[in-house]
Amino acid sequence: MPWVKTAADRARDSAVYNDPEYKANRKLVRRRSGGRCEVIEHGRPCGSTDRVQCDHIIPVSQGGTHHIENLRDSCHRHHAQKTAKEGGGYRRGGRRPREADPVLTTRTKW
């Protein structure tokens, strides 16, 4: 089943990502990181440039703020790991998987 966004997901995302404080601080975080992943790995920042995105260290849903100290740039790998740990991501829904074609048990004579 594909992952789809619900109306509640879209409303939450709109409120979070259109916040003026978040937009301003996201630019400062990008300048601070130089477009590199800031997640600490083995005692130093990862430094990857693979699909870097701004990430809340403490999620807004858990009381986190848009303050610059709660934001960091993270690469796709680290962001996906963090989202999975938090139980985030989109909710399942949408189409059901196709069922397998029925197996013919008798031969048809034409």
PDB file of N, CA and C in Angstrom:
ATOM      1  N   MET A   1       0.827  -1.173   0.000  1.00  0.00           N
ATOM      2  CA  MET A   1       0.000   0.000   0.000  1.00  0.00           C
ATOM      3  C   MET A   1       0.876   1.243   0.000  1.00  0.00           C
ATOM      4  N   PRO A   2       0.513   2.223  -0.767  1.00  0.00           N
ATOM      5  CA  PRO A   2       1.321   3.447  -0.780  1.00  0.00           C
ATOM      6  C   PRO A   2       1.054   4.285   0.468  1.00  0.00           C
ATOM      7  N   TRP A   3       1.994   5.122   0.794  1.00  0.00           N
ATOM      8  CA  TRP A   3       1.812   6.054   1.897  1.00  0.00           C
ATOM      9  C   TRP A   3       1.154   7.290   1.333  1.00  0.00           C
ATOM     10  N   VAL A   4       0.125   7.782   2.012  1.00  0.00           N
ATOM     11  CA  VAL A   4      -0.568   8.983   1.556  1.00  0.00           C
ATOM     12  C   VAL A   4      -0.718   9.947   2.718  1.00  0.00           C
ATOM     13  N   LYS A   5      -0.797  11.224   2.400  1.00  0.00           N
ATOM     14  CA  LYS A   5      -1.032  12.236   3.416  1.00  0.00           C
ATOM     15  C   LYS A   5      -2.533  12.386   3.625  1.00  0.00           C
ATOM     16  N   THR A   6      -2.924  12.475   4.878  1.00  0.00           N
ATOM     17  CA  THR A   6      -4.316  12.725   5.197  1.00  0.00           C
ATOM     18  C   THR A   6      -4.534  14.239   5.272  1.00  0.00           C
ATOM     19  N   ALA A   7      -5.772  14.662   5.389  1.00  0.00           N
ATOM     20  CA  ALA A   7      -6.078  16.090   5.517  1.00  0.00           C
ATOM     21  C   ALA A   7      -5.424  16.663   6.776  1.00  0.00           C
ATOM     22  N   ALA A   8      -5.404  15.873   7.850  1.00  0.00           N
ATOM     23  CA  ALA A   8      -4.762  16.330   9.090  1.00  0.00           C
ATOM     24  C   ALA A   8      -3.258  16.524   8.888  1.00  0.00           C
ATOM     25  N   ASP A   9      -2.615  15.632   8.121  1.00  0.00           N
ATOM     26  CA  ASP A   9      -1.178  15.774   7.825  1.00  0.00           C
ATOM     27  C   ASP A   9      -0.917  17.064   7.059  1.00  0.00           C
ATOM     28  N   ARG A  10      -1.733  17.324   6.057  1.00  0.00           N
ATOM     29  CA  ARG A  10      -1.542  18.533   5.239  1.00  0.00           C
ATOM     30  C   ARG A  10      -1.750  19.798   6.062  1.00  0.00           C
ATOM     31  N   ALA A  11      -2.748  19.794   6.930  1.00  0.00           N
ATOM     32  CA  ALA A  11      -3.012  20.972   7.779  1.00  0.00           C
ATOM     33  C   ALA A  11      -1.847  21.208   8.735  1.00  0.00           C
ATOM     34  N   ARG A  12      -1.337  20.131   9.351  1.00  0.00           N
ATOM     35  CA  ARG A  12      -0.209  20.251  10.278  1.00  0.00           C
ATOM     36  C   ARG A  12       1.031  20.754   9.545  1.00  0.00           C
ATOM     37  N   ASP A  13       1.325  20.180   8.399  1.00  0.00           N
ATOM     38  CA  ASP A  13       2.499  20.590   7.628  1.00  0.00           C
ATOM     39  C   ASP A  13       2.407  22.056   7.226  1.00  0.00           C
ATOM     40  N   SER A  14       1.225  22.488   6.816  1.00  0.00           N
ATOM     41  CA  SER A  14       1.043  23.873   6.403  1.00  0.00           C
ATOM     42  C   SER A  14       1.310  24.816   7.566  1.00  0.00           C
ATOM     43  N   ALA A  15       0.805  24.469   8.738  1.00  0.00           N
ATOM     44  CA  ALA A  15       1.004  25.320   9.910  1.00  0.00           C
ATOM     45  C   ALA A  15       2.471  25.378  10.315  1.00  0.00           C
ATOM     46  N   VAL A  16       3.165  24.256  10.252  1.00  0.00           N
ATOM     47  CA  VAL A  16       4.566  24.197  10.677  1.00  0.00           C
ATOM     48  C   VAL A  16       5.479  24.876   9.665  1.00  0.00           C
ATOM     49  N   TYR A  17       5.366  24.499   8.408  1.00  0.00           N
ATOM     50  CA  TYR A  17       6.341  24.934   7.419  1.00  0.00           C
ATOM     51  C   TYR A  17       6.081  26.325   6.854  1.00  0.00           C
ATOM     52  N   ASN A  18       4.918  26.897   7.092  1.00  0.00           N
ATOM     53  CA  ASN A  18       4.650  28.263   6.642  1.00  0.00           C
ATOM     54  C   ASN A  18       4.832  29.274   7.764  1.00  0.00           C
ATOM     55  N   ASP A  19       5.266  28.838   8.917  1.00  0.00           N
ATOM     56  CA  ASP A  19       5.510  29.726  10.045  1.00  0.00           C
ATOM     57  C   ASP A  19       6.688  30.645   9.713  1.00  0.00           C
ATOM     58  N   PRO A  20       6.527  31.974   9.865  1.00  0.00           N
ATOM     59  CA  PRO A  20       7.614  32.909   9.514  1.00  0.00           C
ATOM     60  C   PRO A  20       8.900  32.673  10.305  1.00  0.00           C
ATOM     61  N   GLU A  21       8.779  32.300  11.584  1.00  0.00           N
ATOM     62  CA  GLU A  21       9.978  32.043  12.393  1.00  0.00           C
ATOM     63  C   GLU A  21      10.746  30.845  11.831  1.00  0.00           C
ATOM     64  N   TYR A  22      10.023  29.802  11.445  1.00  0.00           N
ATOM     65  CA  TYR A  22      10.673  28.613  10.888  1.00  0.00           C
ATOM     66  C   TYR A  22      11.379  28.950   9.578  1.00  0.00           C
ATOM     67  N   LYS A  23      10.708  29.706   8.710  1.00  0.00           N
ATOM     68  CA  LYS A  23      11.315  30.063   7.418  1.00  0.00           C
ATOM     69  C   LYS A  23      12.594  30.869   7.602  1.00  0.00           C
ATOM     70  N   ALA A  24      12.569  31.825   8.527  1.00  0.00           N
ATOM     71  CA  ALA A  24      13.751  32.656   8.763  1.00  0.00           C
ATOM     72  C   ALA A  24      14.890  31.836   9.362  1.00  0.00           C
ATOM     73  N   ASN A  25      14.578  31.011  10.352  1.00  0.00           N
ATOM     74  CA  ASN A  25      15.614  30.223  11.023  1.00  0.00           C
ATOM     75  C   ASN A  25      16.168  29.120  10.132  1.00  0.00           C
ATOM     76  N   ARG A  26      15.351  28.610   9.224  1.00  0.00           N
ATOM     77  CA  ARG A  26      15.832  27.582   8.288  1.00  0.00           C
ATOM     78  C   ARG A  26      16.966  28.126   7.420  1.00  0.00           C
ATOM     79  N   LYS A  27      16.837  29.376   7.004  1.00  0.00           N
ATOM     80  CA  LYS A  27      17.906  30.003   6.209  1.00  0.00           C
ATOM     81  C   LYS A  27      19.181  30.156   7.039  1.00  0.00           C
ATOM     82  N   LEU A  28      19.032  30.523   8.321  1.00  0.00           N
ATOM     83  CA  LEU A  28      20.209  30.664   9.197  1.00  0.00           C
ATOM     84  C   LEU A  28      20.885  29.321   9.435  1.00  0.00           C
ATOM     85  N   VAL A  29      20.085  28.268   9.574  1.00  0.00           N
ATOM     86  CA  VAL A  29      20.645  26.926   9.776  1.00  0.00           C
ATOM     87  C   VAL A  29      21.423  26.503   8.537  1.00  0.00           C
ATOM     88  N   ARG A  30      20.886  26.778   7.355  1.00  0.00           N
ATOM     89  CA  ARG A  30      21.576  26.410   6.111  1.00  0.00           C
ATOM     90  C   ARG A  30      22.902  27.146   6.004  1.00  0.00           C
ATOM     91  N   ARG A  31      22.907  28.417   6.405  1.00  0.00           N
ATOM     92  CA  ARG A  31      24.148  29.195   6.379  1.00  0.00           C
ATOM     93  C   ARG A  31      25.146  28.625   7.393  1.00  0.00           C
ATOM     94  N   ARG A  32      24.657  28.263   8.575  1.00  0.00           N
ATOM     95  CA  ARG A  32      25.517  27.703   9.629  1.00  0.00           C
ATOM     96  C   ARG A  32      26.148  26.377   9.191  1.00  0.00           C
ATOM     97  N   SER A  33      25.354  25.521   8.541  1.00  0.00           N
ATOM     98  CA  SER A  33      25.842  24.185   8.186  1.00  0.00           C
ATOM     99  C   SER A  33      26.628  24.158   6.877  1.00  0.00           C
ATOM    100  N   GLY A  34      26.456  25.173   6.060  1.00  0.00           N
ATOM    101  CA  GLY A  34      27.119  25.170   4.758  1.00  0.00           C
ATOM    102  C   GLY A  34      26.539  24.114   3.823  1.00  0.00           C
ATOM    103  N   GLY A  35      25.292  23.710   4.065  1.00  0.00           N
ATOM    104  CA  GLY A  35      24.651  22.712   3.207  1.00  0.00           C
ATOM    105  C   GLY A  35      25.095  21.283   3.492  1.00  0.00           C
ATOM    106  N   ARG A  36      25.656  21.063   4.672  1.00  0.00           N
ATOM    107  CA  ARG A  36      26.129  19.721   5.050  1.00  0.00           C
ATOM    108  C   ARG A  36      25.353  19.213   6.253  1.00  0.00           C
ATOM    109  N   CYS A  37      25.266  17.900   6.374  1.00  0.00           N
ATOM    110  CA  CYS A  37      24.558  17.244   7.477  1.00  0.00           C
ATOM    111  C   CYS A  37      25.259  17.555   8.801  1.00  0.00           C
ATOM    112  N   GLU A  38      24.474  17.974   9.800  1.00  0.00           N
ATOM    113  CA  GLU A  38      25.032  18.336  11.107  1.00  0.00           C
ATOM    114  C   GLU A  38      24.847  17.248  12.162  1.00  0.00           C
ATOM    115  N   VAL A  39      24.297  16.117  11.794  1.00  0.00           N
ATOM    116  CA  VAL A  39      24.072  15.041  12.754  1.00  0.00           C
ATOM    117  C   VAL A  39      25.433  14.485  13.196  1.00  0.00           C
ATOM    118  N   ILE A  40      25.616  14.370  14.508  1.00  0.00           N
ATOM    119  CA  ILE A  40      26.885  13.883  15.056  1.00  0.00           C
ATOM    120  C   ILE A  40      26.938  12.364  14.907  1.00  0.00           C
ATOM    121  N   GLU A  41      28.008  11.910  14.265  1.00  0.00           N
ATOM    122  CA  GLU A  41      28.198  10.490  13.996  1.00  0.00           C
ATOM    123  C   GLU A  41      29.654  10.156  14.324  1.00  0.00           C
ATOM    124  N   HIS A  42      29.874   9.255  15.251  1.00  0.00           N
ATOM    125  CA  HIS A  42      31.225   8.863  15.679  1.00  0.00           C
ATOM    126  C   HIS A  42      32.020  10.064  16.190  1.00  0.00           C
ATOM    127  N   GLY A  43      31.341  10.937  16.929  1.00  0.00           N
ATOM    128  CA  GLY A  43      32.020  12.063  17.554  1.00  0.00           C
ATOM    129  C   GLY A  43      32.229  13.286  16.676  1.00  0.00           C
ATOM    130  N   ARG A  44      31.773  13.261  15.439  1.00  0.00           N
ATOM    131  CA  ARG A  44      31.916  14.444  14.576  1.00  0.00           C
ATOM    132  C   ARG A  44      30.720  14.519  13.620  1.00  0.00           C
ATOM    133  N   PRO A  45      30.470  15.694  13.048  1.00  0.00           N
ATOM    134  CA  PRO A  45      29.334  15.838  12.135  1.00  0.00           C
ATOM    135  C   PRO A  45      29.467  14.927  10.916  1.00  0.00           C
ATOM    136  N   CYS A  46      28.358  14.417  10.444  1.00  0.00           N
ATOM    137  CA  CYS A  46      28.337  13.520   9.285  1.00  0.00           C
ATOM    138  C   CYS A  46      28.960  14.200   8.065  1.00  0.00           C
ATOM    139  N   GLY A  47      28.490  15.413   7.738  1.00  0.00           N
ATOM    140  CA  GLY A  47      29.066  16.172   6.637  1.00  0.00           C
ATOM    141  C   GLY A  47      28.554  15.814   5.258  1.00  0.00           C
ATOM    142  N   SER A  48      27.618  14.879   5.146  1.00  0.00           N
ATOM    143  CA  SER A  48      27.085  14.482   3.845  1.00  0.00           C
ATOM    144  C   SER A  48      26.298  15.633   3.219  1.00  0.00           C
ATOM    145  N   THR A  49      26.291  15.695   1.897  1.00  0.00           N
ATOM    146  CA  THR A  49      25.515  16.707   1.182  1.00  0.00           C
ATOM    147  C   THR A  49      24.349  16.073   0.425  1.00  0.00           C
ATOM    148  N   ASP A  50      24.029  14.812   0.725  1.00  0.00           N
ATOM    149  CA  ASP A  50      22.969  14.083   0.031  1.00  0.00           C
ATOM    150  C   ASP A  50      21.581  14.533   0.504  1.00  0.00           C
ATOM    151  N   ARG A  51      20.871  15.268  -0.320  1.00  0.00           N
ATOM    152  CA  ARG A  51      19.495  15.726  -0.061  1.00  0.00           C
ATOM    153  C   ARG A  51      19.339  16.281   1.355  1.00  0.00           C
ATOM    154  N   VAL A  52      20.129  17.281   1.677  1.00  0.00           N
ATOM    155  CA  VAL A  52      20.117  17.885   3.009  1.00  0.00           C
ATOM    156  C   VAL A  52      18.827  18.680   3.202  1.00  0.00           C
ATOM    157  N   GLN A  53      18.215  18.518   4.373  1.00  0.00           N
ATOM    158  CA  GLN A  53      16.992  19.251   4.689  1.00  0.00           C
ATOM    159  C   GLN A  53      17.016  19.681   6.145  1.00  0.00           C
ATOM    160  N   CYS A  54      16.291  20.747   6.443  1.00  0.00           N
ATOM    161  CA  CYS A  54      16.223  21.263   7.802  1.00  0.00           C
ATOM    162  C   CYS A  54      15.331  20.343   8.635  1.00  0.00           C
ATOM    163  N   ASP A  55      15.782  20.021   9.833  1.00  0.00           N
ATOM    164  CA  ASP A  55      15.104  19.046  10.683  1.00  0.00           C
ATOM    165  C   ASP A  55      14.973  19.600  12.094  1.00  0.00           C
ATOM    166  N   HIS A  56      13.820  19.358  12.727  1.00  0.00           N
ATOM    167  CA  HIS A  56      13.630  19.714  14.133  1.00  0.00           C
ATOM    168  C   HIS A  56      14.267  18.618  14.989  1.00  0.00           C
ATOM    169  N   ILE A  57      15.143  18.988  15.900  1.00  0.00           N
ATOM    170  CA  ILE A  57      15.771  18.009  16.787  1.00  0.00           C
ATOM    171  C   ILE A  57      14.702  17.402  17.698  1.00  0.00           C
ATOM    172  N   ILE A  58      13.929  18.255  18.358  1.00  0.00           N
ATOM    173  CA  ILE A  58      12.746  17.813  19.104  1.00  0.00           C
ATOM    174  C   ILE A  58      11.555  18.183  18.230  1.00  0.00           C
ATOM    175  N   PRO A  59      10.798  17.193  17.755  1.00  0.00           N
ATOM    176  CA  PRO A  59       9.700  17.479  16.830  1.00  0.00           C
ATOM    177  C   PRO A  59       8.668  18.436  17.427  1.00  0.00           C
ATOM    178  N   VAL A  60       8.063  19.234  16.565  1.00  0.00           N
ATOM    179  CA  VAL A  60       7.018  20.168  16.986  1.00  0.00           C
ATOM    180  C   VAL A  60       5.877  19.402  17.652  1.00  0.00           C
ATOM    181  N   SER A  61       5.590  18.208  17.146  1.00  0.00           N
ATOM    182  CA  SER A  61       4.507  17.395  17.709  1.00  0.00           C
ATOM    183  C   SER A  61       4.797  16.954  19.143  1.00  0.00           C
ATOM    184  N   GLN A  62       6.066  17.026  19.540  1.00  0.00           N
ATOM    185  CA  GLN A  62       6.454  16.633  20.902  1.00  0.00           C
ATOM    186  C   GLN A  62       6.891  17.834  21.732  1.00  0.00           C
ATOM    187  N   GLY A  63       6.471  19.023  21.311  1.00  0.00           N
ATOM    188  CA  GLY A  63       6.752  20.232  22.079  1.00  0.00           C
ATOM    189  C   GLY A  63       7.976  21.009  21.626  1.00  0.00           C
ATOM    190  N   GLY A  64       8.600  20.624  20.536  1.00  0.00           N
ATOM    191  CA  GLY A  64       9.753  21.348  20.016  1.00  0.00           C
ATOM    192  C   GLY A  64       9.349  22.690  19.421  1.00  0.00           C
ATOM    193  N   THR A  65      10.309  23.586  19.323  1.00  0.00           N
ATOM    194  CA  THR A  65      10.041  24.926  18.781  1.00  0.00           C
ATOM    195  C   THR A  65      10.783  25.109  17.465  1.00  0.00           C
ATOM    196  N   HIS A  66      10.571  26.273  16.864  1.00  0.00           N
ATOM    197  CA  HIS A  66      11.276  26.625  15.625  1.00  0.00           C
ATOM    198  C   HIS A  66      12.550  27.412  15.927  1.00  0.00           C
ATOM    199  N   HIS A  67      12.978  27.430  17.183  1.00  0.00           N
ATOM    200  CA  HIS A  67      14.179  28.164  17.564  1.00  0.00           C
ATOM    201  C   HIS A  67      15.390  27.553  16.863  1.00  0.00           C
ATOM    202  N   ILE A  68      16.361  28.372  16.532  1.00  0.00           N
ATOM    203  CA  ILE A  68      17.531  27.922  15.773  1.00  0.00           C
ATOM    204  C   ILE A  68      18.299  26.810  16.497  1.00  0.00           C
ATOM    205  N   GLU A  69      18.244  26.788  17.834  1.00  0.00           N
ATOM    206  CA  GLU A  69      18.931  25.739  18.585  1.00  0.00           C
ATOM    207  C   GLU A  69      18.234  24.381  18.462  1.00  0.00           C
ATOM    208  N   ASN A  70      16.970  24.388  18.019  1.00  0.00           N
ATOM    209  CA  ASN A  70      16.230  23.137  17.850  1.00  0.00           C
ATOM    210  C   ASN A  70      16.197  22.692  16.386  1.00  0.00           C
ATOM    211  N   LEU A  71      16.902  23.390  15.522  1.00  0.00           N
ATOM    212  CA  LEU A  71      16.938  23.047  14.093  1.00  0.00           C
ATOM    213  C   LEU A  71      18.343  22.635  13.690  1.00  0.00           C
ATOM    214  N   ARG A  72      18.427  21.702  12.762  1.00  0.00           N
ATOM    215  CA  ARG A  72      19.718  21.295  12.201  1.00  0.00           C
ATOM    216  C   ARG A  72      19.470  20.780  10.786  1.00  0.00           C
ATOM    217  N   ASP A  73      20.497  20.855   9.980  1.00  0.00           N
ATOM    218  CA  ASP A  73      20.431  20.255   8.654  1.00  0.00           C
ATOM    219  C   ASP A  73      20.821  18.792   8.779  1.00  0.00           C
ATOM    220  N   SER A  74      20.052  17.919   8.118  1.00  0.00           N
ATOM    221  CA  SER A  74      20.388  16.495   8.150  1.00  0.00           C
ATOM    222  C   SER A  74      20.247  15.914   6.751  1.00  0.00           C
ATOM    223  N   CYS A  75      21.114  14.959   6.462  1.00  0.00           N
ATOM    224  CA  CYS A  75      21.084  14.298   5.152  1.00  0.00           C
ATOM    225  C   CYS A  75      19.874  13.359   5.094  1.00  0.00           C
ATOM    226  N   HIS A  76      19.578  12.885   3.919  1.00  0.00           N
ATOM    227  CA  HIS A  76      18.411  12.028   3.725  1.00  0.00           C
ATOM    228  C   HIS A  76      18.468  10.792   4.621  1.00  0.00           C
ATOM    229  N   ARG A  77      19.619  10.170   4.737  1.00  0.00           N
ATOM    230  CA  ARG A  77      19.758   8.945   5.530  1.00  0.00           C
ATOM    231  C   ARG A  77      19.433   9.192   7.002  1.00  0.00           C
ATOM    232  N   HIS A  78      20.021  10.238   7.582  1.00  0.00           N
ATOM    233  CA  HIS A  78      19.780  10.520   8.995  1.00  0.00           C
ATOM    234  C   HIS A  78      18.346  10.981   9.244  1.00  0.00           C
ATOM    235  N   HIS A  79      17.794  11.758   8.318  1.00  0.00           N
ATOM    236  CA  HIS A  79      16.417  12.225   8.494  1.00  0.00           C
ATOM    237  C   HIS A  79      15.450  11.042   8.435  1.00  0.00           C
ATOM    238  N   ALA A  80      15.683  10.110   7.531  1.00  0.00           N
ATOM    239  CA  ALA A  80      14.818   8.932   7.416  1.00  0.00           C
ATOM    240  C   ALA A  80      14.920   8.055   8.663  1.00  0.00           C
ATOM    241  N   GLN A  81      16.123   7.893   9.205  1.00  0.00           N
ATOM    242  CA  GLN A  81      16.300   7.101  10.425  1.00  0.00           C
ATOM    243  C   GLN A  81      15.561   7.738  11.595  1.00  0.00           C
ATOM    244  N   LYS A  82      15.680   9.058  11.721  1.00  0.00           N
ATOM    245  CA  LYS A  82      15.034   9.763  12.818  1.00  0.00           C
ATOM    246  C   LYS A  82      13.519   9.678  12.701  1.00  0.00           C
ATOM    247  N   THR A  83      13.002   9.862  11.496  1.00  0.00           N
ATOM    248  CA  THR A  83      11.559   9.787  11.280  1.00  0.00           C
ATOM    249  C   THR A  83      11.032   8.396  11.608  1.00  0.00           C
ATOM    250  N   ALA A  84      11.775   7.372  11.245  1.00  0.00           N
ATOM    251  CA  ALA A  84      11.352   6.000  11.542  1.00  0.00           C
ATOM    252  C   ALA A  84      11.335   5.747  13.048  1.00  0.00           C
ATOM    253  N   LYS A  85      12.338   6.256  13.776  1.00  0.00           N
ATOM    254  CA  LYS A  85      12.383   6.079  15.234  1.00  0.00           C
ATOM    255  C   LYS A  85      11.203   6.771  15.913  1.00  0.00           C
ATOM    256  N   GLU A  86      10.823   7.930  15.372  1.00  0.00           N
ATOM    257  CA  GLU A  86       9.723   8.699  15.958  1.00  0.00           C
ATOM    258  C   GLU A  86       8.365   8.114  15.603  1.00  0.00           C
ATOM    259  N   GLY A  87       8.355   7.173  14.673  1.00  0.00           N
ATOM    260  CA  GLY A  87       7.078   6.623  14.235  1.00  0.00           C
ATOM    261  C   GLY A  87       6.362   7.557  13.289  1.00  0.00           C
ATOM    262  N   GLY A  88       7.114   8.432  12.652  1.00  0.00           N
ATOM    263  CA  GLY A  88       6.520   9.424  11.758  1.00  0.00           C
ATOM    264  C   GLY A  88       6.276   8.866  10.374  1.00  0.00           C
ATOM    265  N   GLY A  89       6.196   9.751   9.441  1.00  0.00           N
ATOM    266  CA  GLY A  89       5.911   9.339   8.073  1.00  0.00           C
ATOM    267  C   GLY A  89       4.424   9.429   7.812  1.00  0.00           C
ATOM    268  N   TYR A  90       4.041   9.124   6.626  1.00  0.00           N
ATOM    269  CA  TYR A  90       2.641   9.226   6.248  1.00  0.00           C
ATOM    270  C   TYR A  90       1.886   7.994   6.706  1.00  0.00           C
ATOM    271  N   ARG A  91       0.591   8.158   6.829  1.00  0.00           N
ATOM    272  CA  ARG A  91      -0.256   7.043   7.229  1.00  0.00           C
ATOM    273  C   ARG A  91      -0.574   6.188   6.025  1.00  0.00           C
ATOM    274  N   ARG A  92      -0.747   4.921   6.281  1.00  0.00           N
ATOM    275  CA  ARG A  92      -1.106   4.029   5.181  1.00  0.00           C
ATOM    276  C   ARG A  92      -2.538   4.298   4.765  1.00  0.00           C
ATOM    277  N   GLY A  93      -2.768   4.162   3.504  1.00  0.00           N
ATOM    278  CA  GLY A  93      -4.120   4.364   2.998  1.00  0.00           C
ATOM    279  C   GLY A  93      -4.096   4.257   1.494  1.00  0.00           C
ATOM    280  N   GLY A  94      -5.142   4.661   0.891  1.00  0.00           N
ATOM    281  CA  GLY A  94      -5.184   4.644  -0.560  1.00  0.00           C
ATOM    282  C   GLY A  94      -5.605   3.290  -1.092  1.00  0.00           C
ATOM    283  N   ARG A  95      -5.066   2.952  -2.218  1.00  0.00           N
ATOM    284  CA  ARG A  95      -5.473   1.719  -2.904  1.00  0.00           C
ATOM    285  C   ARG A  95      -4.982   0.475  -2.185  1.00  0.00           C
ATOM    286  N   ARG A  96      -5.739  -0.578  -2.335  1.00  0.00           N
ATOM    287  CA  ARG A  96      -5.318  -1.878  -1.813  1.00  0.00           C
ATOM    288  C   ARG A  96      -4.412  -2.538  -2.844  1.00  0.00           C
ATOM    289  N   PRO A  97      -3.514  -3.408  -2.399  1.00  0.00           N
ATOM    290  CA  PRO A  97      -2.666  -4.099  -3.375  1.00  0.00           C
ATOM    291  C   PRO A  97      -3.508  -5.027  -4.242  1.00  0.00           C
ATOM    292  N   ARG A  98      -3.071  -5.171  -5.471  1.00  0.00           N
ATOM    293  CA  ARG A  98      -3.792  -6.065  -6.388  1.00  0.00           C
ATOM    294  C   ARG A  98      -3.694  -7.493  -5.904  1.00  0.00           C
ATOM    295  N   GLU A  99      -4.806  -8.186  -6.012  1.00  0.00           N
ATOM    296  CA  GLU A  99      -4.791  -9.601  -5.652  1.00  0.00           C
ATOM    297  C   GLU A  99      -4.214 -10.387  -6.818  1.00  0.00           C
ATOM    298  N   ALA A 100      -3.618 -11.504  -6.489  1.00  0.00           N
ATOM    299  CA  ALA A 100      -3.038 -12.354  -7.528  1.00  0.00           C
ATOM    300  C   ALA A 100      -4.159 -12.912  -8.408  1.00  0.00           C
ATOM    301  N   ASP A 101      -3.830 -13.141  -9.658  1.00  0.00           N
ATOM    302  CA  ASP A 101      -4.815 -13.736 -10.565  1.00  0.00           C
ATOM    303  C   ASP A 101      -5.177 -15.118 -10.066  1.00  0.00           C
ATOM    304  N   PRO A 102      -6.461 -15.454 -10.136  1.00  0.00           N
ATOM    305  CA  PRO A 102      -6.856 -16.794  -9.668  1.00  0.00           C
ATOM    306  C   PRO A 102      -6.225 -17.878 -10.543  1.00  0.00           C
ATOM    307  N   VAL A 103      -5.886 -18.934  -9.918  1.00  0.00           N
ATOM    308  CA  VAL A 103      -5.263 -20.046 -10.634  1.00  0.00           C
ATOM    309  C   VAL A 103      -6.375 -20.908 -11.232  1.00  0.00           C
ATOM    310  N   LEU A 104      -6.257 -21.189 -12.508  1.00  0.00           N
ATOM    311  CA  LEU A 104      -7.265 -22.040 -13.159  1.00  0.00           C
ATOM    312  C   LEU A 104      -7.046 -23.490 -12.742  1.00  0.00           C
ATOM    313  N   THR A 105      -8.119 -24.098 -12.257  1.00  0.00           N
ATOM    314  CA  THR A 105      -7.996 -25.469 -11.785  1.00  0.00           C
ATOM    315  C   THR A 105      -8.519 -26.474 -12.809  1.00  0.00           C
ATOM    316  N   THR A 106      -9.311 -26.001 -13.750  1.00  0.00           N
ATOM    317  CA  THR A 106      -9.819 -26.911 -14.774  1.00  0.00           C
ATOM    318  C   THR A 106      -9.453 -26.360 -16.139  1.00  0.00           C
ATOM    319  N   ARG A 107      -9.331 -27.256 -17.076  1.00  0.00           N
ATOM    320  CA  ARG A 107      -9.022 -26.834 -18.432  1.00  0.00           C
ATOM    321  C   ARG A 107     -10.317 -26.533 -19.168  1.00  0.00           C
ATOM    322  N   THR A 108     -10.282 -25.515 -19.965  1.00  0.00           N
ATOM    323  CA  THR A 108     -11.457 -25.159 -20.727  1.00  0.00           C
ATOM    324  C   THR A 108     -11.323 -25.717 -22.129  1.00  0.00           C
ATOM    325  N   LYS A 109     -12.378 -26.393 -22.599  1.00  0.00           N
ATOM    326  CA  LYS A 109     -12.378 -26.897 -23.960  1.00  0.00           C
ATOM    327  C   LYS A 109     -13.101 -25.899 -24.845  1.00  0.00           C
ATOM    328  N   TRP A 110     -12.509 -25.602 -25.940  1.00  0.00           N
ATOM    329  CA  TRP A 110     -13.117 -24.647 -26.866  1.00  0.00           C
ATOM    330  C   TRP A 110     -13.878 -25.350 -27.904  1.00  0.00           C
TER     331      TRP A 110
END
